[in-house]
């Protein structure tokens, strides 16, 4: 269940953080990159 909604949720977080602040956006972008590489390795 979590894996299915992982990517869409992260995309939503990216959009929200861009609107909120650049500082948080940078931190989330790093986390997103880590999560994306992890997902690619799993697949």
Protein backbone atom coordinates (compact mmCIF):
# COMPACT_ATOMS: atom_id res chain seq x y z
CA UNK A 1 0.00 0.00 0.00
CA UNK A 2 2.75 2.47 0.95
CA UNK A 3 4.88 1.62 -2.08
CA UNK A 4 1.97 2.23 -4.48
CA UNK A 5 1.42 5.76 -3.13
CA UNK A 6 5.11 6.54 -2.50
CA UNK A 7 5.89 8.23 -5.84
CA UNK A 8 2.69 10.33 -6.13
CA UNK A 9 3.06 11.48 -2.51
CA UNK A 10 6.68 12.53 -3.08
CA UNK A 11 5.65 14.46 -6.22
CA UNK A 12 2.98 16.25 -4.19
CA UNK A 13 5.54 17.06 -1.48
CA UNK A 14 7.88 18.54 -4.11
CA UNK A 15 5.15 20.90 -5.37
CA UNK A 16 4.12 21.87 -1.83
CA UNK A 17 7.70 22.56 -0.74
CA UNK A 18 8.42 24.71 -3.81
CA UNK A 19 5.42 26.84 -2.79
CA UNK A 20 6.37 26.88 0.90
CA UNK A 21 10.13 27.47 0.88
CA UNK A 22 13.33 26.76 -1.06
CA UNK A 23 15.24 25.55 2.03
CA UNK A 24 12.84 22.67 2.67
CA UNK A 25 12.66 21.99 -1.06
CA UNK A 26 16.42 21.37 -1.18
CA UNK A 27 16.22 18.88 1.69
CA UNK A 28 13.28 17.04 0.11
CA UNK A 29 14.97 16.94 -3.31
CA UNK A 30 17.91 15.11 -1.68
CA UNK A 31 15.50 12.65 -0.02
CA UNK A 32 13.62 12.18 -3.31
CA UNK A 33 16.88 11.40 -5.13
CA UNK A 34 17.77 8.81 -2.46
CA UNK A 35 14.28 7.25 -2.63
CA UNK A 36 14.34 7.18 -6.45
CA UNK A 37 17.73 5.41 -6.55
CA UNK A 38 16.46 2.94 -3.91
CA UNK A 39 13.34 2.19 -5.95
CA UNK A 40 15.40 1.68 -9.13
CA UNK A 41 17.69 -0.79 -7.33
CA UNK A 42 14.68 -2.72 -5.97
CA UNK A 43 13.13 -2.97 -9.45
